[in-house]
Protein backbone atom coordinates (compact mmCIF):
# COMPACT_ATOMS: atom_id res chain seq x y z
CA LEU A 1 -34.53 12.82 -10.84
CA ASN A 2 -31.53 10.85 -9.71
CA ASP A 3 -32.00 11.64 -5.98
CA LYS A 4 -32.80 8.36 -4.50
CA LYS A 5 -32.89 9.76 -1.04
CA SER A 6 -35.63 12.36 -1.69
CA PRO A 7 -38.96 11.42 -3.46
CA ALA A 8 -39.94 15.35 -3.16
CA ALA A 9 -36.74 16.26 -5.18
CA ARG A 10 -37.57 13.70 -7.98
CA GLU A 11 -41.10 14.71 -8.28
CA GLY A 12 -39.90 18.44 -8.33
CA ALA A 13 -37.62 17.83 -11.01
CA ALA A 14 -40.42 16.22 -13.10
CA HIS A 15 -42.65 18.86 -12.40
CA ALA A 16 -39.81 21.61 -13.53
CA VAL A 17 -39.46 19.49 -17.00
CA LEU A 18 -43.46 19.54 -17.18
CA THR A 19 -43.53 23.32 -16.79
CA LEU A 20 -40.65 23.91 -19.31
CA ALA A 21 -42.52 21.45 -21.73
CA GLN A 22 -45.70 23.57 -21.51
CA SER A 23 -43.90 26.91 -22.08
CA GLU A 24 -42.06 28.37 -24.89
CA ALA A 25 -38.92 27.27 -22.97
CA VAL A 26 -39.78 23.88 -24.71
CA ARG A 27 -37.76 25.01 -27.80
CA ALA A 28 -34.66 25.50 -25.69
CA LEU A 29 -35.04 22.29 -24.04
CA GLU A 30 -35.50 20.26 -27.20
CA PRO A 31 -31.92 20.09 -28.26
CA LEU A 32 -30.72 18.76 -24.82
CA PHE A 33 -33.72 16.51 -24.02
CA ILE A 34 -32.27 13.17 -25.18
CA ASP A 35 -28.37 13.46 -25.20
CA SER A 36 -28.45 15.09 -21.62
CA GLY A 37 -29.67 11.80 -20.30
CA LEU A 38 -32.87 13.68 -19.24
CA TYR A 39 -35.11 11.63 -21.40
CA ALA A 40 -33.62 8.30 -20.04
CA ALA A 41 -33.80 9.45 -16.53
CA LEU A 42 -37.77 10.35 -16.82
CA LEU A 43 -38.30 7.10 -18.54
CA GLU A 44 -36.88 5.27 -15.42
CA ALA A 45 -38.86 7.40 -13.17
CA PHE A 46 -41.79 5.99 -14.84
CA ALA A 47 -41.49 2.93 -12.32
CA ASP A 48 -40.50 5.20 -9.30
CA LYS A 49 -41.60 3.66 -5.99
CA MET A 50 -43.45 6.81 -5.17
CA PRO A 51 -46.83 7.31 -7.30
CA ALA A 52 -46.62 10.93 -7.55
CA VAL A 53 -43.01 10.66 -8.77
CA ARG A 54 -44.27 8.10 -11.61
CA THR A 55 -47.31 10.41 -12.50
CA ALA A 56 -44.94 13.52 -12.74
CA ALA A 57 -42.62 11.82 -14.88
CA VAL A 58 -45.16 10.59 -17.48
CA ASP A 59 -46.95 13.87 -17.33
CA ALA A 60 -43.61 15.46 -18.30
CA VAL A 61 -42.85 13.37 -21.12
CA VAL A 62 -46.40 13.33 -22.50
CA ALA A 63 -46.35 17.26 -22.46
CA TYR A 64 -42.87 17.13 -23.99
CA VAL A 65 -43.84 14.89 -26.95
CA LYS A 66 -47.10 17.17 -27.16
CA ALA A 67 -44.96 20.39 -27.81
CA MET A 68 -42.10 19.46 -29.62
CA ASN A 69 -41.59 19.50 -33.22
CA PRO A 70 -43.37 16.61 -34.63
CA TRP A 71 -40.48 15.56 -36.96
CA ALA A 72 -38.46 14.67 -33.61
CA THR A 73 -40.82 11.72 -33.28
CA ALA A 74 -38.23 9.24 -34.92
CA LEU A 75 -35.86 10.43 -32.12
CA VAL A 76 -37.98 9.92 -29.15
CA LEU A 77 -39.82 6.71 -30.35
CA PRO A 78 -36.79 4.05 -30.40
CA ALA A 79 -36.53 4.40 -26.39
CA LEU A 80 -40.37 4.01 -26.07
CA LEU A 81 -40.44 1.02 -28.05
CA HIS A 82 -37.20 -0.47 -26.13
CA GLU A 83 -39.04 -0.18 -23.07
CA ILE A 84 -42.29 -1.38 -24.20
CA LYS A 85 -40.69 -4.49 -25.26
CA THR A 86 -37.84 -4.93 -22.64
CA ALA A 87 -38.67 -3.21 -19.43
CA GLY A 88 -38.67 -5.21 -16.57
CA LYS A 89 -41.15 -2.91 -14.73
CA TRP A 90 -44.55 -2.88 -15.92
CA GLN A 91 -45.03 0.55 -14.95
CA VAL A 92 -42.41 1.77 -17.47
CA LYS A 93 -44.35 -0.05 -20.38
CA THR A 94 -47.60 1.34 -19.45
CA GLY A 95 -45.97 4.80 -19.32
CA SER A 96 -44.23 4.76 -22.54
CA LEU A 97 -47.57 3.45 -24.34
CA ALA A 98 -49.27 6.62 -22.70
CA VAL A 99 -46.57 8.66 -24.52
CA LEU A 100 -46.96 6.65 -27.59
CA ASN A 101 -50.61 7.57 -27.71
CA GLN A 102 -49.65 11.18 -27.48
CA LEU A 103 -47.71 10.82 -30.42
CA VAL A 104 -50.58 9.35 -32.29
CA VAL A 105 -52.54 12.74 -31.71
CA SER A 106 -49.71 15.10 -31.94
CA ALA A 107 -47.54 13.76 -34.62
CA PRO A 108 -50.10 11.49 -36.73
CA VAL A 109 -48.19 11.82 -40.28
CA GLN A 110 -44.81 11.15 -38.50
CA THR A 111 -46.01 8.36 -36.38
CA ALA A 112 -47.81 6.62 -39.32
CA LYS A 113 -44.55 6.60 -41.22
CA LEU A 114 -43.14 4.72 -38.44
CA THR A 115 -46.03 2.03 -37.79
CA PRO A 116 -43.62 -0.59 -39.51
CA GLU A 117 -41.53 -0.28 -36.33
CA ILE A 118 -44.44 0.11 -33.92
CA VAL A 119 -46.90 -2.41 -34.78
CA PRO A 120 -44.55 -5.55 -34.26
CA VAL A 121 -43.74 -4.21 -30.66
CA LEU A 122 -47.40 -3.67 -29.88
CA SER A 123 -48.22 -7.03 -31.24
CA GLU A 124 -46.12 -8.62 -28.81
CA ALA A 125 -47.09 -6.31 -25.77
CA ILE A 126 -50.62 -7.28 -26.34
CA TRP A 127 -49.42 -10.96 -24.85
CA ASP A 128 -47.92 -9.31 -21.80
CA THR A 129 -48.33 -11.25 -18.68
CA LYS A 130 -49.27 -8.21 -16.62
CA ALA A 131 -53.13 -7.30 -17.47
CA ASP A 132 -52.37 -3.46 -17.15
CA VAL A 133 -50.00 -3.68 -19.76
CA LYS A 134 -51.93 -6.00 -22.19
CA LYS A 135 -55.03 -3.47 -21.90
CA ALA A 136 -52.83 -0.45 -22.51
CA ALA A 137 -51.18 -2.24 -25.43
CA ARG A 138 -54.48 -3.32 -27.09
CA ASP A 139 -55.40 0.46 -26.62
CA SER A 140 -52.06 1.76 -28.34
CA LEU A 141 -52.61 -0.81 -31.22
CA GLU A 142 -56.32 0.44 -32.10
CA LYS A 143 -55.04 4.22 -31.94
CA THR A 144 -51.85 3.53 -34.24
CA THR A 145 -53.61 1.50 -36.77
CA ALA A 146 -56.09 4.21 -37.24
CA LEU A 147 -53.62 6.11 -38.73
CA VAL A 148 -53.65 3.87 -41.54
CA SER A 149 -55.18 5.85 -44.50
CA ASN A 150 -55.44 2.68 -47.27
CA LYS A 151 -59.26 3.21 -48.35
CA ASP A 152 -58.84 -0.78 -49.23
CA ILE A 153 -58.29 -1.94 -45.93
CA GLU A 154 -59.88 0.64 -43.68
CA ARG A 155 -62.72 -1.55 -43.11
CA PHE A 156 -60.70 -4.53 -42.22
CA ILE A 157 -58.46 -2.72 -39.57
CA PRO A 158 -60.79 -4.14 -36.86
CA ALA A 159 -60.49 -7.79 -38.14
CA LEU A 160 -56.42 -7.38 -38.74
CA ILE A 161 -56.36 -6.05 -35.01
CA LYS A 162 -58.35 -9.40 -33.81
CA ALA A 163 -56.11 -11.42 -35.88
CA LEU A 164 -53.18 -10.02 -34.14
CA ILE A 165 -54.86 -10.78 -30.73
CA ASN A 166 -56.36 -14.16 -31.61
CA PRO A 167 -54.28 -15.40 -34.50
CA VAL A 168 -55.27 -19.18 -34.21
CA GLU A 169 -59.08 -18.47 -34.74
CA GLU A 170 -58.91 -15.20 -36.80
CA VAL A 171 -56.11 -15.31 -39.29
CA PRO A 172 -57.87 -17.80 -41.80
CA ASN A 173 -61.04 -15.92 -41.72
CA THR A 174 -59.39 -12.30 -42.37
CA ILE A 175 -57.07 -13.65 -45.05
CA THR A 176 -60.43 -14.82 -46.87
CA LEU A 177 -61.64 -11.32 -46.20
CA LEU A 178 -58.46 -9.69 -47.71
CA SER A 179 -58.32 -12.17 -50.84
CA ALA A 180 -61.89 -10.85 -51.85
CA THR A 181 -60.33 -7.23 -52.05
CA THR A 182 -59.50 -5.37 -55.32
CA PHE A 183 -56.42 -3.22 -54.18
CA VAL A 184 -56.67 -0.01 -56.18
CA SER A 185 -54.90 2.71 -53.46
CA GLU A 186 -51.46 2.80 -52.98
CA VAL A 187 -50.15 0.28 -50.55
CA ASP A 188 -47.32 2.15 -48.40
CA SER A 189 -45.46 1.17 -45.21
CA PRO A 190 -48.15 1.88 -42.82
CA THR A 191 -50.33 -0.43 -44.77
CA LEU A 192 -47.86 -3.08 -45.11
CA SER A 193 -47.27 -2.97 -41.14
CA LEU A 194 -50.80 -4.26 -40.82
CA MET A 195 -50.63 -6.77 -43.60
CA VAL A 196 -47.56 -8.38 -43.31
CA PRO A 197 -47.69 -9.86 -39.91
CA LEU A 198 -51.20 -11.43 -41.07
CA LEU A 199 -49.68 -12.58 -44.36
CA SER A 200 -46.56 -14.00 -42.51
CA ARG A 201 -48.69 -15.93 -40.03
CA GLY A 202 -50.96 -17.18 -43.17
CA LEU A 203 -47.97 -18.73 -44.70
CA ASN A 204 -47.36 -20.79 -41.75
CA GLU A 205 -50.95 -22.17 -41.86
CA LYS A 206 -51.36 -25.82 -42.42
CA LEU A 207 -54.32 -25.56 -45.08
CA THR A 208 -52.85 -25.12 -48.48
CA ALA A 209 -55.98 -23.21 -49.52
CA THR A 210 -54.90 -20.41 -46.99
CA LYS A 211 -51.41 -20.26 -48.15
CA ARG A 212 -52.79 -19.91 -51.58
CA LYS A 213 -55.02 -17.10 -50.67
CA VAL A 214 -51.79 -15.32 -49.25
CA ALA A 215 -49.57 -15.81 -52.14
CA VAL A 216 -52.41 -14.33 -54.29
C-alpha cells in the first residue's frame, strides 16, 4: 500500500485485504487491522492518484466493516470521523462517508449509540466546499438519523435534517413543531444527538418566543 512507485502493487494490496475481509480469514485480520497501520494506509489510499487504487481501497474497508464484529464500530469510527472533518483531499472524505454508510447497515445498534459523535461531524460536512462531499454527507446524515427509534420525534426527522441544512429558515419552524409534542418515549443519546444541535441553535435566535419554546 505504501509503494509510491507501483500503482499495481498498491491496488493488489488493497485487493488482498478485500479478499481476506470477504473470507473467514477476517477473524484473523481483526486484531491487526487498526494497530498494524493497515487501516490508516487504506484510508490514505482513498485519495490515491490512480482511480483503480482508490476504488480498491474503499471496497476493502467497506468489506471489512461489513464482516467485522459489529462491536468494533467504536474502534473504527474515530478515524472515519477525523477524516470526514479534517482530510485535505475530498476523496478521503467521500470514501469515509461510504464506509460510515456501511456501518449503518452492518452495525445499526452500535452506530445508533454513537450518533452523538457522528451527527455533529456530518452537520459540518454538509457545508463542505466540494459538491461531492456535501451530497455524500447529506446522504449519510439521512441514513444515520434513520437509526433514531424514538417514536415521538420519528415523524420530525426530515424537519430536523432540514434545520441542520438550512438553519436560518428552518430552525424556528422546527422548534415550533417540537414544542407541540408530548414526549412519552425514553429520550436516549441518539434522540438527543438530533435535538441538541437544534435546541442549541434555538437558544441563539433573536426572538424571545423561540427561546422560550426551547427552554420549555
